[in-house]
Protein backbone atom coordinates (compact mmCIF):
# COMPACT_ATOMS: atom_id res chain seq x y z
CA MET A 1 41.27 -50.24 -38.33
CA ALA A 2 40.27 -49.06 -34.92
CA ALA A 3 37.35 -46.80 -34.78
CA VAL A 4 38.22 -43.31 -33.86
CA ALA A 5 36.13 -42.20 -30.94
CA SER A 6 34.57 -38.89 -31.59
CA TRP A 7 34.33 -36.41 -28.76
CA ALA A 8 31.92 -33.58 -28.63
CA PRO A 9 31.90 -31.04 -25.85
CA GLU A 10 28.87 -31.12 -23.65
CA GLU A 11 26.41 -28.39 -24.34
CA GLU A 12 26.57 -25.66 -21.77
CA VAL A 13 23.51 -25.59 -19.58
CA ARG A 14 22.12 -22.09 -19.72
CA GLN A 15 20.61 -20.79 -16.53
CA PRO A 16 17.38 -18.81 -16.91
CA GLY A 17 17.72 -15.07 -16.44
CA ARG A 18 16.25 -13.04 -13.63
CA ILE A 19 13.34 -11.84 -15.74
CA THR A 20 12.48 -15.40 -16.70
CA LEU A 21 12.67 -16.51 -13.07
CA PHE A 22 10.51 -13.55 -12.04
CA PHE A 23 7.73 -14.42 -14.49
CA ARG A 24 7.95 -18.10 -13.51
CA TYR A 25 7.49 -17.08 -9.90
CA LEU A 26 4.54 -14.83 -10.76
CA ARG A 27 2.93 -17.70 -12.66
CA ARG A 28 3.23 -19.86 -9.56
CA ASN A 29 2.30 -17.16 -7.03
CA LYS A 30 -1.28 -16.53 -8.14
CA SER A 31 -2.13 -14.02 -5.40
CA LEU A 32 0.81 -11.77 -6.23
CA SER A 33 0.31 -11.97 -9.99
CA ILE A 34 -3.45 -11.22 -9.84
CA GLY A 35 -2.93 -8.40 -7.34
CA LEU A 36 -0.20 -6.79 -9.46
CA PHE A 37 -2.34 -7.14 -12.59
CA ILE A 38 -5.32 -5.36 -11.00
CA LEU A 39 -3.05 -2.69 -9.54
CA LEU A 40 -1.41 -2.06 -12.93
CA LEU A 41 -4.86 -1.67 -14.50
CA LEU A 42 -5.79 0.89 -11.85
CA VAL A 43 -2.51 2.75 -12.38
CA ALA A 44 -3.11 2.77 -16.15
CA PHE A 45 -6.66 4.05 -15.60
CA THR A 46 -5.37 6.90 -13.44
CA VAL A 47 -2.36 7.85 -15.57
CA ILE A 48 -4.18 7.71 -18.91
CA GLY A 49 -7.22 9.36 -17.38
CA ARG A 50 -5.19 12.34 -16.15
CA LEU A 51 -3.96 12.83 -19.71
CA VAL A 52 -7.46 13.02 -21.22
CA ILE A 53 -9.54 14.78 -18.56
CA ASN A 54 -9.74 18.33 -17.32
CA PRO A 55 -9.11 18.09 -13.55
CA GLU A 56 -11.57 20.92 -12.95
CA ASP A 57 -14.37 18.61 -14.15
CA ALA A 58 -13.90 16.60 -10.95
CA TYR A 59 -15.24 19.48 -8.88
CA PRO A 60 -18.79 20.89 -8.49
CA LEU A 61 -20.55 22.97 -11.17
CA ALA A 62 -18.39 21.59 -13.98
CA ALA A 63 -21.13 19.60 -15.78
CA PRO A 64 -24.90 19.17 -15.93
CA THR A 65 -26.28 17.50 -12.83
CA ARG A 66 -27.61 13.94 -12.39
CA ARG A 67 -26.80 12.66 -15.86
CA PRO A 68 -26.59 8.85 -16.21
CA PRO A 69 -23.57 7.25 -17.89
CA SER A 70 -23.39 8.08 -21.60
CA LEU A 71 -20.86 8.57 -24.39
CA LYS A 72 -20.32 12.17 -23.30
CA TYR A 73 -20.18 11.42 -19.57
CA LEU A 74 -18.81 7.88 -19.30
CA PHE A 75 -19.51 7.53 -15.57
CA GLY A 76 -22.37 10.04 -15.46
CA THR A 77 -22.56 13.15 -13.28
CA ASP A 78 -23.72 13.72 -9.71
CA PHE A 79 -26.07 16.08 -7.90
CA PHE A 80 -23.34 18.73 -7.60
CA GLY A 81 -22.40 18.79 -11.29
CA ARG A 82 -19.19 16.74 -11.13
CA ASP A 83 -18.14 14.58 -14.04
CA LEU A 84 -17.77 11.27 -12.21
CA PHE A 85 -15.20 9.92 -14.67
CA ALA A 86 -12.93 12.88 -13.90
CA ALA A 87 -13.79 12.55 -10.20
CA MET A 88 -12.81 8.86 -10.20
CA VAL A 89 -9.48 9.59 -11.91
CA VAL A 90 -8.58 12.44 -9.55
CA GLY A 91 -9.96 10.56 -6.52
CA MET A 92 -7.88 7.46 -7.21
CA TRP A 93 -4.81 9.64 -7.66
CA GLN A 94 -5.44 11.37 -4.33
CA THR A 95 -6.10 8.04 -2.62
CA ALA A 96 -2.77 6.74 -3.95
CA ILE A 97 -0.99 9.85 -2.60
CA ILE A 98 -2.47 9.32 0.88
CA GLY A 99 -1.62 5.61 0.84
CA VAL A 100 1.96 6.01 -0.38
CA ILE A 101 2.81 8.93 1.95
CA ALA A 102 1.32 7.31 5.05
CA GLY A 103 2.69 3.88 4.12
CA ALA A 104 6.20 5.21 3.52
CA ILE A 105 6.29 7.24 6.75
CA GLY A 106 4.90 4.39 8.84
CA THR A 107 7.29 1.85 7.31
CA VAL A 108 10.38 4.07 7.73
CA ILE A 109 9.52 4.76 11.37
CA GLY A 110 8.86 1.06 11.97
CA VAL A 111 12.12 -0.03 10.31
CA VAL A 112 14.24 2.51 12.22
CA LEU A 113 12.67 1.76 15.61
CA GLY A 114 12.63 -1.99 14.97
CA PHE A 115 16.33 -2.07 14.10
CA PHE A 116 17.35 0.10 17.05
CA SER A 117 15.20 -1.91 19.45
CA ALA A 118 16.39 -5.35 18.37
CA TYR A 119 20.02 -4.66 17.55
CA PHE A 120 21.07 -2.44 20.45
CA GLY A 121 18.71 -3.94 23.03
CA ARG A 122 18.84 -2.97 26.71
CA TRP A 123 16.92 0.16 27.71
CA ILE A 124 16.31 1.13 24.08
CA ASP A 125 14.53 -2.17 23.41
CA THR A 126 12.61 -1.93 26.67
CA GLY A 127 11.42 1.61 25.95
CA ILE A 128 10.37 1.03 22.32
CA ARG A 129 8.70 -2.31 23.06
CA SER A 130 6.83 -0.86 26.04
CA VAL A 131 5.50 2.07 24.00
CA CYS A 132 4.32 -0.28 21.24
CA GLN A 133 2.64 -2.63 23.69
CA ILE A 134 0.85 0.29 25.37
CA LEU A 135 -0.38 1.85 22.11
CA LEU A 136 -1.33 -1.33 20.24
CA PRO A 137 -4.58 -1.96 22.21
CA VAL A 138 -5.69 1.65 21.59
CA PRO A 139 -8.68 1.73 19.17
CA VAL A 140 -7.05 3.37 16.16
CA LEU A 141 -10.34 4.10 14.40
CA LEU A 142 -11.69 5.99 17.42
CA ILE A 143 -8.54 8.10 17.76
CA GLN A 144 -8.50 8.92 14.04
CA VAL A 145 -12.18 9.91 14.12
CA VAL A 146 -11.62 12.14 17.17
CA ILE A 147 -8.58 13.85 15.61
CA ALA A 148 -10.20 14.32 12.19
CA GLY A 149 -13.44 15.52 13.76
CA SER A 150 -11.65 18.13 15.86
CA LEU A 151 -10.07 19.81 12.84
CA ASP A 152 -11.60 22.65 10.88
CA LYS A 153 -12.86 21.17 7.61
CA ARG A 154 -11.23 24.04 5.71
CA ASP A 155 -7.84 22.94 7.04
CA VAL A 156 -8.22 19.26 6.12
CA THR A 157 -6.28 18.23 3.00
CA ILE A 158 -5.17 14.90 1.59
CA TYR A 159 -1.78 15.48 3.27
CA THR A 160 -3.49 16.16 6.60
CA MET A 161 -5.34 12.87 6.20
CA ALA A 162 -2.08 11.06 5.52
CA ILE A 163 -0.61 12.42 8.78
CA ILE A 164 -3.76 11.50 10.75
CA VAL A 165 -3.65 7.97 9.37
CA VAL A 166 0.03 7.41 10.14
CA LEU A 167 -0.03 8.71 13.74
CA LEU A 168 -0.79 5.26 15.19
CA ALA A 169 0.25 3.11 12.24
CA TRP A 170 3.93 2.52 13.00
CA MET A 171 3.65 0.08 15.95
CA TRP A 172 2.92 -3.05 13.93
CA PRO A 173 5.86 -2.70 11.48
CA THR A 174 8.11 -1.83 14.43
CA LEU A 175 7.30 -5.10 16.21
CA VAL A 176 7.51 -7.15 12.99
CA ILE A 177 10.91 -5.76 12.00
CA ARG A 178 12.14 -6.07 15.59
CA SER A 179 11.30 -9.79 15.71
CA GLN A 180 13.03 -10.40 12.38
CA VAL A 181 16.17 -8.49 13.41
CA LEU A 182 16.33 -10.43 16.69
CA THR A 183 16.41 -13.64 14.67
CA MET A 184 18.77 -12.30 12.02
CA LYS A 185 21.44 -10.89 14.34
CA GLU A 186 22.07 -14.36 15.79
CA ARG A 187 22.96 -15.80 12.37
CA GLN A 188 26.49 -16.94 11.63
CA PHE A 189 27.20 -14.34 8.95
CA VAL A 190 26.54 -11.54 11.47
CA ALA A 191 28.96 -13.11 13.94
CA VAL A 192 31.59 -13.38 11.19
CA ALA A 193 31.07 -9.71 10.29
CA LYS A 194 31.56 -8.69 13.92
CA LEU A 195 34.78 -10.71 14.16
CA SER A 196 35.95 -9.05 10.96
CA GLY A 197 35.64 -5.63 12.60
CA VAL A 198 32.60 -4.42 10.70
CA SER A 199 30.86 -1.55 12.52
CA ASP A 200 27.32 -1.79 13.85
CA LEU A 201 25.97 0.43 11.08
CA GLY A 202 27.88 -1.63 8.52
CA ILE A 203 26.31 -4.83 9.84
CA ILE A 204 22.84 -3.25 9.82
CA PHE A 205 23.01 -1.81 6.29
CA LYS A 206 25.22 -4.41 4.56
CA GLU A 207 24.36 -7.67 6.30
CA ILE A 208 20.91 -7.55 7.92
CA LEU A 209 18.92 -4.98 5.93
CA PRO A 210 19.32 -6.67 2.49
CA ASN A 211 17.98 -9.92 3.94
CA LEU A 212 14.91 -8.17 5.33
CA LEU A 213 13.83 -6.43 2.14
CA PRO A 214 10.94 -8.89 1.49
CA PHE A 215 9.63 -8.27 5.02
CA ILE A 216 10.00 -4.49 4.59
CA ALA A 217 8.19 -4.64 1.24
CA ALA A 218 5.35 -6.62 2.81
CA ALA A 219 5.19 -4.15 5.71
CA PHE A 220 5.04 -1.22 3.28
CA VAL A 221 2.17 -2.71 1.27
CA GLY A 222 0.37 -3.50 4.53
CA GLN A 223 0.79 0.10 5.64
CA VAL A 224 -0.52 1.39 2.30
CA PHE A 225 -3.55 -0.90 2.63
CA ALA A 226 -4.25 0.36 6.15
CA ALA A 227 -3.81 4.00 5.08
CA VAL A 228 -6.13 3.66 2.07
CA PHE A 229 -8.76 1.92 4.18
CA ALA A 230 -8.51 4.53 6.95
CA SER A 231 -8.77 7.44 4.52
CA PHE A 232 -11.78 5.73 2.96
CA TYR A 233 -13.80 5.26 6.14
CA LEU A 234 -12.89 8.74 7.43
CA ALA A 235 -14.15 10.24 4.17
CA VAL A 236 -17.31 8.09 4.24
CA LEU A 237 -18.01 9.52 7.71
CA GLY A 238 -17.69 13.04 6.30
CA LEU A 239 -14.37 13.74 8.05
CA GLY A 240 -12.22 14.17 4.96
CA PRO A 241 -11.52 17.19 2.76
CA LEU A 242 -15.11 17.53 1.55
CA ARG A 243 -14.37 19.46 -1.64
CA GLU A 244 -11.83 16.90 -2.89
CA PRO A 245 -13.20 14.01 -5.00
CA LEU A 246 -11.85 11.23 -2.78
CA LEU A 247 -13.73 7.99 -3.36
CA GLY A 248 -15.02 8.05 0.20
CA ASN A 249 -16.20 11.64 -0.22
CA ILE A 250 -18.16 10.70 -3.36
CA ILE A 251 -19.91 7.91 -1.45
CA TRP A 252 -20.60 10.21 1.51
CA SER A 253 -22.15 12.87 -0.72
CA ALA A 254 -24.20 10.21 -2.53
CA GLN A 255 -25.54 8.95 0.81
CA SER A 256 -26.35 12.46 2.01
CA GLN A 257 -28.38 13.13 -1.15
CA GLY A 258 -30.18 9.76 -1.14
CA ALA A 259 -28.73 8.66 -4.48
CA PHE A 260 -30.20 5.15 -4.45
CA PHE A 261 -33.68 6.34 -3.45
CA ASN A 262 -33.66 8.90 -6.26
CA GLY A 263 -32.49 6.41 -8.89
CA TRP A 264 -28.98 7.80 -9.28
CA TRP A 265 -27.46 4.32 -8.85
CA TRP A 266 -24.24 5.08 -10.75
CA TRP A 267 -23.18 7.77 -8.28
CA PRO A 268 -22.32 5.54 -5.23
CA ILE A 269 -21.64 2.29 -7.10
CA GLU A 270 -18.68 3.51 -9.18
CA PRO A 271 -16.49 4.73 -6.27
CA ALA A 272 -17.46 1.64 -4.26
CA VAL A 273 -16.26 -0.65 -7.06
CA GLY A 274 -13.07 1.42 -7.37
CA MET A 275 -12.33 1.11 -3.67
CA ILE A 276 -13.02 -2.66 -3.73
CA LEU A 277 -10.54 -3.05 -6.59
CA ILE A 278 -7.88 -0.98 -4.80
CA LEU A 279 -8.18 -2.80 -1.46
CA GLY A 280 -8.57 -6.19 -3.15
CA SER A 281 -5.41 -5.76 -5.23
CA LEU A 282 -3.40 -4.65 -2.19
CA ALA A 283 -4.72 -7.58 -0.13
CA LEU A 284 -3.71 -10.05 -2.84
CA ILE A 285 -0.24 -8.46 -3.08
CA ILE A 286 0.17 -8.74 0.69
CA MET A 287 -0.73 -12.45 0.51
CA GLY A 288 1.76 -12.97 -2.31
CA LEU A 289 4.54 -11.10 -0.49
CA ASP A 290 3.90 -13.15 2.63
CA GLU A 291 4.80 -16.25 0.63
CA LEU A 292 7.94 -14.53 -0.63
CA ALA A 293 9.00 -13.32 2.82
CA ASN A 294 8.05 -16.39 4.85
CA PRO A 295 10.43 -19.30 4.21
CA ARG A 296 7.96 -21.75 5.71
CA VAL A 297 5.43 -21.18 2.95
CA ARG A 298 7.78 -20.14 0.14
CA LYS A 299 7.72 -22.44 -2.85
CA ALA A 300 11.04 -23.43 -4.34
CA GLU A 301 11.88 -22.68 -7.95
């Protein structure tokens, strides 16, 4: 009796989902994963902190002065009677507002000008590129210090600082996006879209823009980093909104009162550590996004 051959259907190979692929990529991209982890911790510190503190404690005369860290005052208090735990929570929140506003404005301006310059070319490209090349060598720090120093301190707010920071911050994303669009518009899929009768705006928004999202994300994080750093050194120089508990303002006031010489070590160290964590996390995220956006260094799944 002939043996009856048994047939069993092959098991279907299941492709990993997007979430699985995302976590696999994070596990491989150490810079991005560490940067996001630190940033999430800082966000949790700020969000949870705002739920448990009284924001008024971040301002002068809200607590006893010059108290070291304790159970009652976790981060201690300063010479002006601010609860430094509340000041750190509010200061990080204000720093995030400055960074996000300035980063978003600078990135949007850079994306719009970069697309117009590269895609339409001719006199538009010449004009935008010339303006960027003229302004790029300008010492941004000097201009920001001059503008901030010329304002009445009573008129300076965190929103004013965001505008000051973004005034000369759009040239770099403009040139980066322009170079990417110049490369992208010569691709075959753009030529096919043109032959199919797709309008210029349709090609920009449906064909080119989705492929540049990693570059735009990297440009945005870079702009946030630059904005946070600029707001920090302006505040350290005493050119920020002095009453607000920005991290740079806390360090500036600690320096002006000789905190280290008087033994109040906790006063300047805590905002300095906070700023190092913020800038460090953003720098790591930028490095990770560069791998994602740059096909030459991107690692395959």
